[in-house]
Every structure is written in structure tokens, then in C-alpha cells.
Amino acid sequence: MVAIKSHKIKALVVVEEDIAAMDEKYVSALKQLQLLVVLASNFNATTELAHIVIPAATWTEKMASSSILKEEPREFVPQWLLNRWTEVLTDLA
């Protein structure tokens, strides 16, 4: 937090954490960032402060399963989702 307030850290990526809800001092620090990117499956206090919000998949989306007739359930990740995440991460880089 000291590094953010002293402007040594200008950008931050937060993954699936609501750090703004933990303490008011975090809110003031996050507001000083030039760029706050949040990957989250739900909106929260940290996403409200973010400059960019990237939707994160929930565990049910990550571990989606299907069963056809009497086959055992099988896990899959839709190809369109993998392609889209590749595009998003490439654009961010």
C-alpha cells in the first residue's frame, strides 16, 4: 500500500479478490492507481473502482460437465472460451 501511495506502483491486476471491501485504507490506495484491472466472476467493491473489469469464469464454468445418454460425465472447456481469453490476454499485453 505504501508503494501505491508513493506512486512506485501505478497499475495493479487483481484476480478474484475484493480487497476494497477489506479496509477503507485499501479503497483510498486503489483510487490512486493509474490503472486497476480486476478479473472477477461477480461485481464487488473492487470492480466498482476498476478501470477495466474482465469477467472470470466460475468453477462451474471451468469444470463444466455434460453427459450424453448413459455415458459418464466428461469435463470440457468450450473452444470459443479458450479463443476469447487468448484474444483478451494478447490485447492486454
N, C-alpha and C. Protein backbone atom coordinates (compact mmCIF):
# COMPACT_ATOMS: atom_id res chain seq x y z
N MET A 1 0.82 -1.19 0.00
CA MET A 1 0.00 0.00 0.00
C MET A 1 0.87 1.25 0.00
N VAL A 2 1.99 1.20 0.70
CA VAL A 2 2.90 2.33 0.73
C VAL A 2 3.44 2.60 -0.67
N ALA A 3 3.74 1.54 -1.41
CA ALA A 3 4.26 1.69 -2.77
C ALA A 3 3.22 2.32 -3.71
N ILE A 4 1.97 2.04 -3.49
CA ILE A 4 0.91 2.66 -4.30
C ILE A 4 0.81 4.14 -3.96
N LYS A 5 0.79 4.45 -2.68
CA LYS A 5 0.65 5.84 -2.25
C LYS A 5 1.85 6.68 -2.64
N SER A 6 3.03 6.07 -2.72
CA SER A 6 4.24 6.81 -3.14
C SER A 6 4.42 6.77 -4.67
N HIS A 7 3.45 6.21 -5.36
CA HIS A 7 3.41 6.13 -6.83
C HIS A 7 4.51 5.27 -7.43
N LYS A 8 5.08 4.37 -6.64
CA LYS A 8 6.02 3.39 -7.18
C LYS A 8 5.26 2.31 -7.95
N ILE A 9 4.06 2.02 -7.50
CA ILE A 9 3.16 1.10 -8.21
C ILE A 9 2.06 1.96 -8.81
N LYS A 10 1.94 1.91 -10.14
CA LYS A 10 0.96 2.74 -10.84
C LYS A 10 -0.20 1.93 -11.39
N ALA A 11 0.02 0.62 -11.53
CA ALA A 11 -1.02 -0.25 -12.08
C ALA A 11 -1.06 -1.54 -11.27
N LEU A 12 -2.23 -2.13 -11.19
CA LEU A 12 -2.41 -3.34 -10.41
C LEU A 12 -3.45 -4.22 -11.09
N VAL A 13 -3.19 -5.54 -11.09
CA VAL A 13 -4.15 -6.52 -11.57
C VAL A 13 -4.60 -7.33 -10.37
N VAL A 14 -5.89 -7.37 -10.13
CA VAL A 14 -6.47 -8.10 -9.00
C VAL A 14 -7.28 -9.26 -9.57
N VAL A 15 -7.03 -10.47 -9.06
CA VAL A 15 -7.72 -11.66 -9.55
C VAL A 15 -8.58 -12.25 -8.43
N GLU A 16 -9.90 -12.20 -8.64
CA GLU A 16 -10.88 -12.84 -7.75
C GLU A 16 -10.73 -12.48 -6.27
N GLU A 17 -10.40 -11.23 -5.99
CA GLU A 17 -10.34 -10.76 -4.60
C GLU A 17 -11.09 -9.44 -4.51
N ASP A 18 -11.76 -9.25 -3.41
CA ASP A 18 -12.45 -7.98 -3.17
C ASP A 18 -11.67 -7.22 -2.10
N ILE A 19 -10.50 -6.72 -2.48
CA ILE A 19 -9.64 -6.07 -1.49
C ILE A 19 -10.20 -4.74 -1.01
N ALA A 20 -11.04 -4.10 -1.81
CA ALA A 20 -11.64 -2.84 -1.39
C ALA A 20 -12.60 -3.03 -0.22
N ALA A 21 -13.16 -4.22 -0.09
CA ALA A 21 -14.10 -4.49 1.00
C ALA A 21 -13.40 -4.82 2.31
N MET A 22 -12.09 -5.07 2.23
CA MET A 22 -11.35 -5.47 3.44
C MET A 22 -11.12 -4.31 4.40
N ASP A 23 -10.81 -3.13 3.85
CA ASP A 23 -10.49 -1.99 4.71
C ASP A 23 -10.59 -0.71 3.89
N GLU A 24 -11.02 0.35 4.50
CA GLU A 24 -11.15 1.63 3.82
C GLU A 24 -9.80 2.17 3.32
N LYS A 25 -8.71 1.81 4.00
CA LYS A 25 -7.39 2.29 3.56
C LYS A 25 -7.02 1.68 2.21
N TYR A 26 -7.52 0.49 1.90
CA TYR A 26 -7.28 -0.10 0.59
C TYR A 26 -8.03 0.66 -0.49
N VAL A 27 -9.22 1.13 -0.18
CA VAL A 27 -10.01 1.89 -1.14
C VAL A 27 -9.26 3.15 -1.54
N SER A 28 -8.73 3.88 -0.57
CA SER A 28 -8.02 5.11 -0.89
C SER A 28 -6.76 4.83 -1.70
N ALA A 29 -6.09 3.72 -1.43
CA ALA A 29 -4.89 3.36 -2.20
C ALA A 29 -5.27 2.98 -3.62
N LEU A 30 -6.32 2.18 -3.79
CA LEU A 30 -6.75 1.75 -5.13
C LEU A 30 -7.18 2.94 -5.99
N LYS A 31 -7.75 3.95 -5.38
CA LYS A 31 -8.19 5.13 -6.12
C LYS A 31 -7.01 5.93 -6.66
N GLN A 32 -5.83 5.75 -6.10
CA GLN A 32 -4.64 6.48 -6.55
C GLN A 32 -3.95 5.82 -7.74
N LEU A 33 -4.32 4.60 -8.07
CA LEU A 33 -3.70 3.90 -9.19
C LEU A 33 -4.07 4.54 -10.52
N GLN A 34 -3.14 4.53 -11.45
CA GLN A 34 -3.43 5.00 -12.80
C GLN A 34 -4.23 3.95 -13.58
N LEU A 35 -4.02 2.67 -13.22
CA LEU A 35 -4.74 1.59 -13.88
C LEU A 35 -5.01 0.47 -12.89
N LEU A 36 -6.27 0.11 -12.76
CA LEU A 36 -6.68 -1.02 -11.94
C LEU A 36 -7.48 -1.97 -12.82
N VAL A 37 -6.95 -3.18 -12.99
CA VAL A 37 -7.61 -4.21 -13.78
C VAL A 37 -8.06 -5.29 -12.82
N VAL A 38 -9.32 -5.67 -12.90
CA VAL A 38 -9.87 -6.69 -11.99
C VAL A 38 -10.48 -7.82 -12.81
N LEU A 39 -10.05 -9.04 -12.50
CA LEU A 39 -10.66 -10.24 -13.07
C LEU A 39 -11.55 -10.80 -11.98
N ALA A 40 -12.85 -10.84 -12.21
CA ALA A 40 -13.78 -11.29 -11.17
C ALA A 40 -15.00 -11.94 -11.79
N SER A 41 -15.55 -12.90 -11.07
CA SER A 41 -16.76 -13.57 -11.53
C SER A 41 -18.02 -12.84 -11.09
N ASN A 42 -17.90 -11.95 -10.12
CA ASN A 42 -19.04 -11.17 -9.63
C ASN A 42 -18.61 -9.73 -9.40
N PHE A 43 -19.55 -8.81 -9.52
CA PHE A 43 -19.25 -7.42 -9.21
C PHE A 43 -19.10 -7.27 -7.71
N ASN A 44 -18.18 -6.39 -7.31
CA ASN A 44 -17.94 -6.15 -5.89
C ASN A 44 -17.36 -4.75 -5.73
N ALA A 45 -16.93 -4.40 -4.54
CA ALA A 45 -16.40 -3.07 -4.28
C ALA A 45 -15.14 -2.79 -5.09
N THR A 46 -14.32 -3.79 -5.33
CA THR A 46 -13.09 -3.60 -6.10
C THR A 46 -13.40 -3.41 -7.58
N THR A 47 -14.36 -4.14 -8.12
CA THR A 47 -14.73 -3.94 -9.53
C THR A 47 -15.31 -2.56 -9.76
N GLU A 48 -15.97 -2.01 -8.75
CA GLU A 48 -16.53 -0.65 -8.86
C GLU A 48 -15.42 0.39 -9.04
N LEU A 49 -14.24 0.12 -8.48
CA LEU A 49 -13.12 1.06 -8.58
C LEU A 49 -12.27 0.82 -9.83
N ALA A 50 -12.45 -0.32 -10.46
CA ALA A 50 -11.57 -0.74 -11.57
C ALA A 50 -11.76 0.12 -12.82
N HIS A 51 -10.66 0.31 -13.54
CA HIS A 51 -10.70 0.95 -14.84
C HIS A 51 -11.13 -0.06 -15.90
N ILE A 52 -10.71 -1.32 -15.70
CA ILE A 52 -11.06 -2.40 -16.60
C ILE A 52 -11.50 -3.60 -15.76
N VAL A 53 -12.64 -4.18 -16.10
CA VAL A 53 -13.12 -5.40 -15.44
C VAL A 53 -13.18 -6.49 -16.50
N ILE A 54 -12.50 -7.60 -16.21
CA ILE A 54 -12.51 -8.75 -17.10
C ILE A 54 -13.29 -9.86 -16.41
N PRO A 55 -14.32 -10.38 -17.06
CA PRO A 55 -15.11 -11.43 -16.42
C PRO A 55 -14.29 -12.71 -16.25
N ALA A 56 -14.32 -13.25 -15.06
CA ALA A 56 -13.65 -14.52 -14.77
C ALA A 56 -14.69 -15.62 -14.71
N ALA A 57 -14.29 -16.79 -15.15
CA ALA A 57 -15.20 -17.94 -15.12
C ALA A 57 -15.33 -18.46 -13.69
N THR A 58 -16.53 -18.88 -13.34
CA THR A 58 -16.74 -19.52 -12.04
C THR A 58 -16.24 -20.96 -12.13
N TRP A 59 -16.16 -21.64 -11.01
CA TRP A 59 -15.65 -23.01 -11.04
C TRP A 59 -16.58 -23.91 -11.85
N THR A 60 -17.87 -23.59 -11.84
CA THR A 60 -18.79 -24.43 -12.62
C THR A 60 -18.57 -24.24 -14.12
N GLU A 61 -18.18 -23.04 -14.52
CA GLU A 61 -17.88 -22.81 -15.92
C GLU A 61 -16.54 -23.43 -16.32
N LYS A 62 -15.60 -23.41 -15.39
CA LYS A 62 -14.29 -24.01 -15.66
C LYS A 62 -14.38 -25.53 -15.73
N MET A 63 -15.19 -26.11 -14.89
CA MET A 63 -15.28 -27.56 -14.79
C MET A 63 -16.62 -28.06 -15.31
N ALA A 64 -17.09 -27.42 -16.37
CA ALA A 64 -18.40 -27.79 -16.93
C ALA A 64 -18.40 -29.26 -17.32
N SER A 65 -19.49 -29.90 -17.10
CA SER A 65 -19.59 -31.30 -17.49
C SER A 65 -20.89 -31.54 -18.23
N SER A 66 -20.89 -32.56 -19.01
CA SER A 66 -22.10 -32.95 -19.71
C SER A 66 -22.18 -34.46 -19.72
N SER A 67 -23.34 -34.95 -19.87
CA SER A 67 -23.49 -36.39 -20.02
C SER A 67 -24.47 -36.64 -21.16
N ILE A 68 -24.13 -37.57 -21.98
CA ILE A 68 -24.96 -37.92 -23.12
C ILE A 68 -25.44 -39.35 -22.91
N LEU A 69 -26.74 -39.48 -22.84
CA LEU A 69 -27.36 -40.77 -22.58
C LEU A 69 -26.78 -41.39 -21.32
N LYS A 70 -26.15 -42.56 -21.43
CA LYS A 70 -25.64 -43.22 -20.23
C LYS A 70 -24.13 -43.09 -20.09
N GLU A 71 -23.52 -42.23 -20.90
CA GLU A 71 -22.08 -42.04 -20.77
C GLU A 71 -21.75 -41.40 -19.43
N GLU A 72 -20.54 -41.64 -19.00
CA GLU A 72 -20.06 -40.96 -17.80
C GLU A 72 -19.93 -39.47 -18.08
N PRO A 73 -20.17 -38.62 -17.09
CA PRO A 73 -19.97 -37.18 -17.32
C PRO A 73 -18.53 -36.91 -17.73
N ARG A 74 -18.34 -35.97 -18.59
CA ARG A 74 -16.99 -35.61 -19.01
C ARG A 74 -16.80 -34.10 -18.91
N GLU A 75 -15.58 -33.69 -18.60
CA GLU A 75 -15.27 -32.28 -18.46
C GLU A 75 -14.92 -31.71 -19.82
N PHE A 76 -15.23 -30.44 -19.99
CA PHE A 76 -14.83 -29.77 -21.22
C PHE A 76 -14.70 -28.28 -20.96
N VAL A 77 -13.89 -27.64 -21.74
CA VAL A 77 -13.80 -26.18 -21.77
C VAL A 77 -14.12 -25.80 -23.21
N PRO A 78 -15.17 -25.03 -23.42
CA PRO A 78 -15.55 -24.68 -24.78
C PRO A 78 -14.40 -23.99 -25.53
N GLN A 79 -14.19 -24.38 -26.76
CA GLN A 79 -13.10 -23.81 -27.55
C GLN A 79 -13.25 -22.31 -27.73
N TRP A 80 -14.50 -21.83 -27.86
CA TRP A 80 -14.72 -20.39 -28.04
C TRP A 80 -14.22 -19.62 -26.83
N LEU A 81 -14.35 -20.21 -25.63
CA LEU A 81 -13.88 -19.54 -24.42
C LEU A 81 -12.36 -19.46 -24.41
N LEU A 82 -11.70 -20.54 -24.77
CA LEU A 82 -10.23 -20.53 -24.84
C LEU A 82 -9.75 -19.51 -25.87
N ASN A 83 -10.40 -19.45 -27.02
CA ASN A 83 -10.01 -18.49 -28.06
C ASN A 83 -10.20 -17.05 -27.59
N ARG A 84 -11.31 -16.80 -26.90
CA ARG A 84 -11.60 -15.42 -26.45
C ARG A 84 -10.59 -14.98 -25.40
N TRP A 85 -10.25 -15.86 -24.47
CA TRP A 85 -9.27 -15.49 -23.44
C TRP A 85 -7.91 -15.24 -24.06
N THR A 86 -7.55 -16.00 -25.07
CA THR A 86 -6.29 -15.76 -25.77
C THR A 86 -6.29 -14.37 -26.38
N GLU A 87 -7.40 -13.97 -26.99
CA GLU A 87 -7.51 -12.63 -27.58
C GLU A 87 -7.41 -11.54 -26.52
N VAL A 88 -8.12 -11.71 -25.40
CA VAL A 88 -8.12 -10.71 -24.34
C VAL A 88 -6.72 -10.53 -23.75
N LEU A 89 -6.06 -11.63 -23.44
CA LEU A 89 -4.72 -11.55 -22.86
C LEU A 89 -3.70 -10.99 -23.84
N THR A 90 -3.86 -11.31 -25.12
CA THR A 90 -2.97 -10.76 -26.15
C THR A 90 -3.17 -9.24 -26.25
N ASP A 91 -4.41 -8.79 -26.22
CA ASP A 91 -4.69 -7.36 -26.28
C ASP A 91 -4.13 -6.62 -25.08
N LEU A 92 -4.21 -7.23 -23.90
CA LEU A 92 -3.68 -6.60 -22.69
C LEU A 92 -2.17 -6.49 -22.73
N ALA A 93 -1.51 -7.49 -23.34
CA ALA A 93 -0.04 -7.48 -23.40
C ALA A 93 0.40 -6.33 -24.27
